[in-house]
Every structure is written in structure tokens, then in C-alpha cells.
Amino acid sequence: MPNQDQLAQMKTGQGFIAALDQSGGSTPKALKLYGIDESAYGSEAEMFDLIHAMRSRIAQAPAFTGDKVIGAILFEMTMDREIAGKPAAEFLWKERGVVPFLKVDKGLEAEANGCQLMKPMPDLDALLDRAVAAGIFGTKMRSVISAANAEGIKAVVAQQFEVGKQIIAKGLVPIIEPEVTISIADKADAEDILLEEITKQLDALGDDELVMLKLSLPTVANHYGTLIRHPKVVRVVALSGGYERDKANALLAENTGMIASFSRALTEGLSAQQSDDEFNAAIGAAIDGIYAASIT
């Protein structure tokens, strides 16, 4: 059973979820945007040390508390490390009041029927056991939809919920993330199919099975309103999907009841070269803007 205090915060807390879960493939780009070029590290281990330092700096910023940041999604290596001398998940919840989540997927399969399923996760049970022991509340896993292909979207959603039930069985709350690529011409049609498939899966869940949803900002405002109100859904959160922060915030504010779970849009404008005062001011302004859009 999920931590009830954390569940209550996820259901009713005012704020958003920070996505601090860049994995191996996306870390070099994240570091470059942070002002650290690939020439600054000579190994994968050094690269992950640098991204952990960035995440730790964000998590320790004065504005990064449960007052506005109600949750944070961690990469596996972040869960296994410390922030300010304490295990990362423990630091987030006990010191900052931020509910910890864990990214569990292992990347994407090649595209088929306009979509990308998740790669197999043969070690998922063991990872989930570690997550529970570390104090993690929930998980996140991502698939990608790049065409309004009914067969492909059905397969994506079915896989997400199948793995989601495995996660629920461990007492965790899964964030189901079937991302619709924001640049495709038939995005609105893909969102119509996605809404239908998610609704079918939600309606089939048991009484004690709860999920969260992480979705691309929809073409039509409030398109996912029925999902936000569904009794099996703890919260519906939005990914920025490549939009710059101002655009993502503006679109989010149009969707009542949807809150942010931004990654690039959250860290936009942050730099390793900033002084602590400059950095804290920048992340504070970012948090304020995303918070305001999330409670509109």
C-alpha cells in the first residue's frame, strides 16, 4: 500500500512534479544546456557525477520544497546516491516534503505502427523492491506515440497498464506516460485515440488499483478532463515535450486540473557557472512560474 501521507499530497497538493530523471542517453544534452560540455568528462561515471551534482543543487535550492514542488522523479542512479549526506529519496521527503518517484523504464523499442513500446524490463521486480526499501512512492515509465495509428496506440497503452499492474502489486503508484510527439501533423487525432484507450484500461482496474498519468499537453484544452476526474487516477501531469518554459506554462494553464511534470522546461536557464545566489534565483523563478501554471 502506498504511503498515505504521500498519496494525500499527490491527490490534493498544490504544485507540480519535477522531472529529474534524465538517463544515460539524454544526460549529455542536459549537461550541455547546463553549461558543461562533453569535453569536461572523460567517462560515463564522471558524466553521472556531474548530472548528480546538478540534481543535488536543484534539490537543495531554497525554493525546492513541497510548498510548490509536490513530487520529483529520480533516475535509478540518483535513488542510489545521497543528497546532502542522506539517501536521495529520504532527503526529498523528510527534509523537503517532496514525494519521490523513480524512472523504471529501460528505453524504447524501434518504431512500429507509428509508436515506440518500452524495451523489456526483466529485472523490474528487483528494482521495485529496492525502490520500496529506499522509500520511493511511485514510478514513471515512458512510451512514445508519433502517429494517430490505432493499433500502435492500443499496444502502447496496453503495455503501460500491464507493467503498471506489476508496479501496483509492489505497493507503488505508477505514472503511465504515453507521450504524444508534439510536432506530428495528426497530434489531435492521436490524442482522441489515446483518450479512448486509456479510459478502457482505467475502467478495467480493480478497486484498489490507482495510477497517475503523464501526458503531452493536448491540442484541445481540457481534452483529458475525464481522466483527471476518473476515480482510479491520482493525478494527471503534463510533460513539456520540447516546448520552452513560457509556452509550456501557457498551454498548461489552459488545462484545468492538470499539473506540470517538466524536465527541460524546469532547468531552462540554469548554469553550472552561476553563483549560488544566481542559481537559486533562477530555479526559484522557474518554480514560481510552473507552480502558477499548475494551480490555474
Protein backbone atom coordinates (compact mmCIF):
# COMPACT_ATOMS: atom_id res chain seq x y z
CA MET A 1 0.00 0.00 0.00
CA PRO A 2 1.37 3.46 -0.88
CA ASN A 3 2.46 5.84 1.87
CA GLN A 4 -0.85 7.50 2.79
CA ASP A 5 0.63 10.92 3.60
CA GLN A 6 2.39 10.94 0.24
CA LEU A 7 -0.77 9.73 -1.51
CA ALA A 8 -2.75 12.58 0.03
CA GLN A 9 -0.13 15.07 -1.17
CA MET A 10 -0.30 13.64 -4.67
CA LYS A 11 -4.09 13.79 -4.75
CA THR A 12 -4.63 17.26 -3.35
CA GLY A 13 -1.28 19.07 -3.07
CA GLN A 14 -0.91 22.41 -4.80
CA GLY A 15 2.13 22.41 -7.07
CA PHE A 16 3.91 20.26 -9.63
CA ILE A 17 6.27 17.32 -10.06
CA ALA A 18 9.89 17.98 -11.04
CA ALA A 19 11.32 15.52 -13.57
CA LEU A 20 14.96 15.00 -12.56
CA ASP A 21 15.27 11.65 -14.33
CA GLN A 22 17.49 12.19 -17.38
CA SER A 23 19.03 8.80 -18.22
CA GLY A 24 22.26 7.89 -19.99
CA GLY A 25 21.05 8.85 -23.43
CA SER A 26 19.73 12.29 -22.50
CA THR A 27 22.34 13.25 -19.91
CA PRO A 28 24.94 14.76 -22.30
CA LYS A 29 22.32 17.13 -23.71
CA ALA A 30 21.10 18.06 -20.23
CA LEU A 31 24.66 18.80 -19.13
CA LYS A 32 25.37 20.86 -22.23
CA LEU A 33 22.30 23.00 -21.57
CA TYR A 34 23.64 23.40 -18.02
CA GLY A 35 26.92 24.74 -19.40
CA ILE A 36 29.02 21.56 -19.16
CA ASP A 37 30.40 20.37 -22.50
CA GLU A 38 31.29 16.74 -23.23
CA SER A 39 34.96 17.68 -23.07
CA ALA A 40 34.53 18.23 -19.31
CA TYR A 41 34.22 14.50 -18.58
CA GLY A 42 36.12 11.50 -19.83
CA SER A 43 33.90 8.63 -18.74
CA GLU A 44 30.29 7.71 -18.10
CA ALA A 45 30.99 7.67 -14.37
CA GLU A 46 32.26 11.27 -14.48
CA MET A 47 29.22 12.25 -16.55
CA PHE A 48 26.83 10.82 -13.96
CA ASP A 49 28.77 12.52 -11.15
CA LEU A 50 28.21 15.85 -12.89
CA ILE A 51 24.49 15.32 -13.51
CA HIS A 52 24.04 14.19 -9.90
CA ALA A 53 25.74 17.38 -8.74
CA MET A 54 23.26 19.38 -10.84
CA ARG A 55 20.27 17.48 -9.44
CA SER A 56 21.58 17.85 -5.89
CA ARG A 57 21.98 21.58 -6.39
CA ILE A 58 18.38 21.83 -7.60
CA ALA A 59 17.04 19.70 -4.75
CA GLN A 60 18.83 21.82 -2.14
CA ALA A 61 17.70 25.16 -3.55
CA PRO A 62 15.58 27.12 -1.05
CA ALA A 63 12.55 27.14 -3.37
CA PHE A 64 12.60 23.38 -3.95
CA THR A 65 10.16 22.30 -1.24
CA GLY A 66 6.76 20.65 -1.02
CA ASP A 67 5.13 24.07 -0.83
CA LYS A 68 5.33 24.23 -4.64
CA VAL A 69 7.18 21.08 -5.77
CA ILE A 70 4.97 18.25 -4.53
CA GLY A 71 6.99 15.44 -6.15
CA ALA A 72 10.21 14.65 -8.00
CA ILE A 73 11.07 11.84 -10.43
CA LEU A 74 14.53 10.35 -9.97
CA PHE A 75 16.86 8.35 -12.19
CA GLU A 76 17.94 5.00 -10.70
CA MET A 77 21.49 6.23 -10.02
CA THR A 78 20.05 9.24 -8.20
CA MET A 79 17.97 6.99 -5.94
CA ASP A 80 21.13 5.05 -5.13
CA ARG A 81 23.10 8.18 -4.18
CA GLU A 82 22.93 10.77 -1.43
CA ILE A 83 21.89 14.40 -1.38
CA ALA A 84 23.32 16.49 1.46
CA GLY A 85 24.59 13.34 3.15
CA LYS A 86 21.26 11.49 3.15
CA PRO A 87 19.77 8.90 0.76
CA ALA A 88 18.13 10.86 -2.07
CA ALA A 89 14.54 9.72 -1.53
CA GLU A 90 14.81 10.23 2.23
CA PHE A 91 16.24 13.72 1.75
CA LEU A 92 13.44 14.72 -0.61
CA TRP A 93 10.59 13.57 1.62
CA LYS A 94 11.90 14.16 5.12
CA GLU A 95 13.92 17.33 4.51
CA ARG A 96 11.98 18.99 1.68
CA GLY A 97 8.48 17.49 1.79
CA VAL A 98 8.79 16.33 -1.83
CA VAL A 99 7.34 12.91 -2.77
CA PRO A 100 9.97 10.73 -4.53
CA PHE A 101 9.30 8.77 -7.73
CA LEU A 102 11.63 6.53 -9.76
CA LYS A 103 12.01 6.22 -13.53
CA VAL A 104 11.94 2.46 -14.22
CA ASP A 105 11.83 2.02 -18.00
CA LYS A 106 14.94 0.97 -19.93
CA GLY A 107 14.32 2.95 -23.09
CA LEU A 108 12.33 2.45 -26.25
CA GLU A 109 11.95 -0.23 -28.89
CA ALA A 110 12.21 0.63 -32.60
CA GLU A 111 9.12 2.33 -34.01
CA ALA A 112 6.25 0.11 -35.19
CA ASN A 113 2.79 1.30 -36.25
CA GLY A 114 3.90 4.86 -35.58
CA CYS A 115 4.72 4.14 -31.93
CA GLN A 116 7.56 3.01 -29.71
CA LEU A 117 6.91 0.47 -26.99
CA MET A 118 9.12 0.16 -23.93
CA LYS A 119 12.03 -2.26 -24.01
CA PRO A 120 11.65 -5.37 -21.83
CA MET A 121 12.35 -4.91 -18.12
CA PRO A 122 13.36 -8.39 -16.89
CA ASP A 123 14.81 -7.03 -13.64
CA LEU A 124 11.83 -4.83 -12.79
CA ASP A 125 10.72 -6.75 -9.70
CA ALA A 126 14.16 -6.45 -8.13
CA LEU A 127 14.31 -2.72 -8.95
CA LEU A 128 10.87 -2.19 -7.44
CA ASP A 129 11.92 -3.98 -4.25
CA ARG A 130 14.90 -1.65 -3.99
CA ALA A 131 12.64 1.33 -4.60
CA VAL A 132 10.27 0.29 -1.81
CA ALA A 133 13.22 -0.16 0.56
CA ALA A 134 14.52 3.29 -0.38
CA GLY A 135 11.20 4.99 0.40
CA ILE A 136 10.04 5.61 -3.16
CA PHE A 137 6.31 6.35 -3.56
CA GLY A 138 5.80 5.67 -7.26
CA THR A 139 7.38 5.07 -10.63
CA LYS A 140 7.46 6.54 -14.14
CA MET A 141 7.82 4.82 -17.50
CA ARG A 142 7.66 6.34 -20.97
CA SER A 143 6.44 5.20 -24.37
CA VAL A 144 6.18 7.39 -27.49
CA ILE A 145 3.33 7.92 -29.96
CA SER A 146 4.34 9.53 -33.27
CA ALA A 147 1.24 8.86 -35.39
CA ALA A 148 -2.52 8.53 -34.99
CA ASN A 149 -2.27 4.79 -35.51
CA ALA A 150 -4.99 2.98 -33.56
CA GLU A 151 -3.16 -0.35 -33.45
CA GLY A 152 0.08 1.24 -32.28
CA ILE A 153 -1.57 3.39 -29.61
CA LYS A 154 -3.59 0.46 -28.30
CA ALA A 155 -0.38 -1.57 -27.92
CA VAL A 156 1.38 1.29 -26.12
CA VAL A 157 -1.42 1.77 -23.61
CA ALA A 158 -1.90 -1.96 -23.03
CA GLN A 159 1.81 -2.41 -22.28
CA GLN A 160 1.86 0.59 -19.95
CA PHE A 161 -1.05 -0.74 -17.89
CA GLU A 162 0.27 -4.31 -17.88
CA VAL A 163 3.55 -3.14 -16.37
CA GLY A 164 1.63 -0.68 -14.19
CA LYS A 165 -0.22 -3.56 -12.51
CA GLN A 166 3.14 -5.20 -11.72
CA ILE A 167 4.18 -1.95 -10.06
CA ILE A 168 0.90 -1.59 -8.15
CA ALA A 169 1.39 -5.11 -6.78
CA LYS A 170 4.55 -3.85 -5.04
CA GLY A 171 2.61 -1.11 -3.25
CA LEU A 172 3.77 1.68 -5.56
CA VAL A 173 1.81 4.11 -7.74
CA PRO A 174 2.85 4.03 -11.42
CA ILE A 175 2.96 7.12 -13.60
CA ILE A 176 1.74 5.93 -17.01
CA GLU A 177 3.45 8.05 -19.70
CA PRO A 178 2.41 7.51 -23.33
CA GLU A 179 4.00 10.67 -24.78
CA VAL A 180 2.47 12.07 -27.97
CA THR A 181 5.16 13.80 -30.05
CA ILE A 182 4.16 17.47 -30.18
CA SER A 183 5.34 18.06 -33.76
CA ILE A 184 3.23 15.46 -35.60
CA ALA A 185 0.52 16.65 -38.01
CA ASP A 186 -2.14 14.30 -36.64
CA LYS A 187 -1.50 15.02 -32.95
CA ALA A 188 -5.16 15.81 -32.16
CA ASP A 189 -6.31 12.55 -33.76
CA ALA A 190 -3.69 10.60 -31.82
CA GLU A 191 -4.95 12.22 -28.61
CA ASP A 192 -8.52 11.15 -29.38
CA ILE A 193 -7.41 7.52 -29.77
CA LEU A 194 -5.21 7.76 -26.68
CA LEU A 195 -8.06 9.09 -24.53
CA GLU A 196 -10.28 6.20 -25.60
CA GLU A 197 -7.64 3.53 -24.93
CA ILE A 198 -6.62 4.95 -21.53
CA THR A 199 -10.26 5.16 -20.46
CA LYS A 200 -10.82 1.48 -21.32
CA GLN A 201 -7.81 0.46 -19.24
CA LEU A 202 -8.80 2.65 -16.29
CA ASP A 203 -12.32 1.27 -16.26
CA ALA A 204 -10.89 -2.26 -16.03
CA LEU A 205 -8.72 -1.59 -12.96
CA GLY A 206 -9.61 -3.09 -9.61
CA ASP A 207 -10.97 -1.04 -6.72
CA ASP A 208 -7.58 -0.74 -5.03
CA GLU A 209 -5.56 -0.11 -8.19
CA LEU A 210 -4.53 3.52 -8.64
CA VAL A 211 -2.38 5.16 -11.31
CA MET A 212 -1.12 8.56 -12.34
CA LEU A 213 -0.93 9.74 -15.94
CA LYS A 214 1.78 11.83 -17.60
CA LEU A 215 0.60 13.18 -20.93
CA SER A 216 1.67 15.65 -23.59
CA LEU A 217 -0.09 18.99 -23.41
CA PRO A 218 -3.18 18.42 -25.58
CA THR A 219 -4.07 20.20 -28.81
CA VAL A 220 -7.55 20.94 -27.48
CA ALA A 221 -7.60 22.43 -23.98
CA ASN A 222 -9.13 20.19 -21.29
CA HIS A 223 -9.14 17.20 -23.66
CA TYR A 224 -8.17 14.96 -20.74
CA GLY A 225 -10.74 16.30 -18.28
CA THR A 226 -12.49 12.94 -17.91
CA LEU A 227 -9.17 11.32 -16.98
CA ILE A 228 -8.47 13.99 -14.36
CA ARG A 229 -11.85 13.18 -12.77
CA HIS A 230 -11.57 9.40 -13.08
CA PRO A 231 -11.70 7.64 -9.66
CA LYS A 232 -8.70 5.40 -10.48
CA VAL A 233 -6.46 8.38 -11.32
CA VAL A 234 -4.48 10.04 -8.53
CA ARG A 235 -3.28 12.92 -10.72
CA VAL A 236 -2.76 13.84 -14.37
CA VAL A 237 0.52 15.61 -15.04
CA ALA A 238 1.89 17.20 -18.20
CA LEU A 239 5.28 16.83 -19.82
CA SER A 240 6.76 19.85 -21.56
CA GLY A 241 7.60 17.77 -24.64
CA GLY A 242 10.17 20.18 -26.02
CA TYR A 243 8.20 23.39 -25.56
CA GLU A 244 10.13 26.23 -23.99
CA ARG A 245 9.02 27.02 -20.46
CA ASP A 246 6.86 30.07 -21.22
CA LYS A 247 4.97 28.20 -23.94
CA ALA A 248 4.59 25.08 -21.79
CA ASN A 249 3.30 27.15 -18.87
CA ALA A 250 0.80 28.98 -21.10
CA LEU A 251 -0.57 25.73 -22.53
CA LEU A 252 -0.70 24.09 -19.10
CA ALA A 253 -2.68 26.99 -17.65
CA GLU A 254 -5.41 26.28 -20.22
CA ASN A 255 -5.94 22.75 -18.84
CA THR A 256 -7.91 22.80 -15.58
CA GLY A 257 -6.73 20.24 -13.04
CA MET A 258 -3.59 19.24 -14.94
CA ILE A 259 -0.25 19.95 -13.26
CA ALA A 260 3.28 20.09 -14.63
CA SER A 261 5.95 17.42 -14.63
CA PHE A 262 8.61 19.31 -16.54
CA SER A 263 12.26 18.42 -17.13
CA ARG A 264 13.90 20.66 -19.72
CA ALA A 265 11.41 23.44 -19.06
CA LEU A 266 12.29 23.33 -15.35
CA THR A 267 16.06 23.52 -15.82
CA GLU A 268 15.96 26.07 -18.65
CA GLY A 269 18.31 28.95 -17.84
CA LEU A 270 20.27 27.12 -15.14
CA SER A 271 24.06 27.05 -15.45
CA ALA A 272 26.96 25.42 -13.66
CA GLN A 273 28.72 28.77 -13.93
CA GLN A 274 26.09 30.63 -11.89
CA SER A 275 26.88 31.63 -8.33
CA ASP A 276 24.67 30.04 -5.69
CA ASP A 277 22.66 33.24 -5.39
CA GLU A 278 22.19 33.44 -9.17
CA PHE A 279 21.30 29.75 -9.40
CA ASN A 280 18.83 29.88 -6.53
CA ALA A 281 17.15 32.96 -8.02
CA ALA A 282 16.88 31.26 -11.42
CA ILE A 283 15.44 27.99 -10.13
CA GLY A 284 13.16 29.94 -7.79
CA ALA A 285 11.73 31.93 -10.70
CA ALA A 286 11.26 28.74 -12.73
CA ILE A 287 9.45 27.05 -9.83
CA ASP A 288 7.21 30.07 -9.29
CA GLY A 289 6.17 30.16 -12.95
CA ILE A 290 5.49 26.44 -13.27
CA TYR A 291 3.63 26.44 -9.94
CA ALA A 292 1.40 29.30 -11.07
CA ALA A 293 0.54 27.46 -14.29
CA SER A 294 -0.15 24.25 -12.35
CA ILE A 295 -2.68 25.78 -9.96
CA THR A 296 -4.56 27.87 -12.53
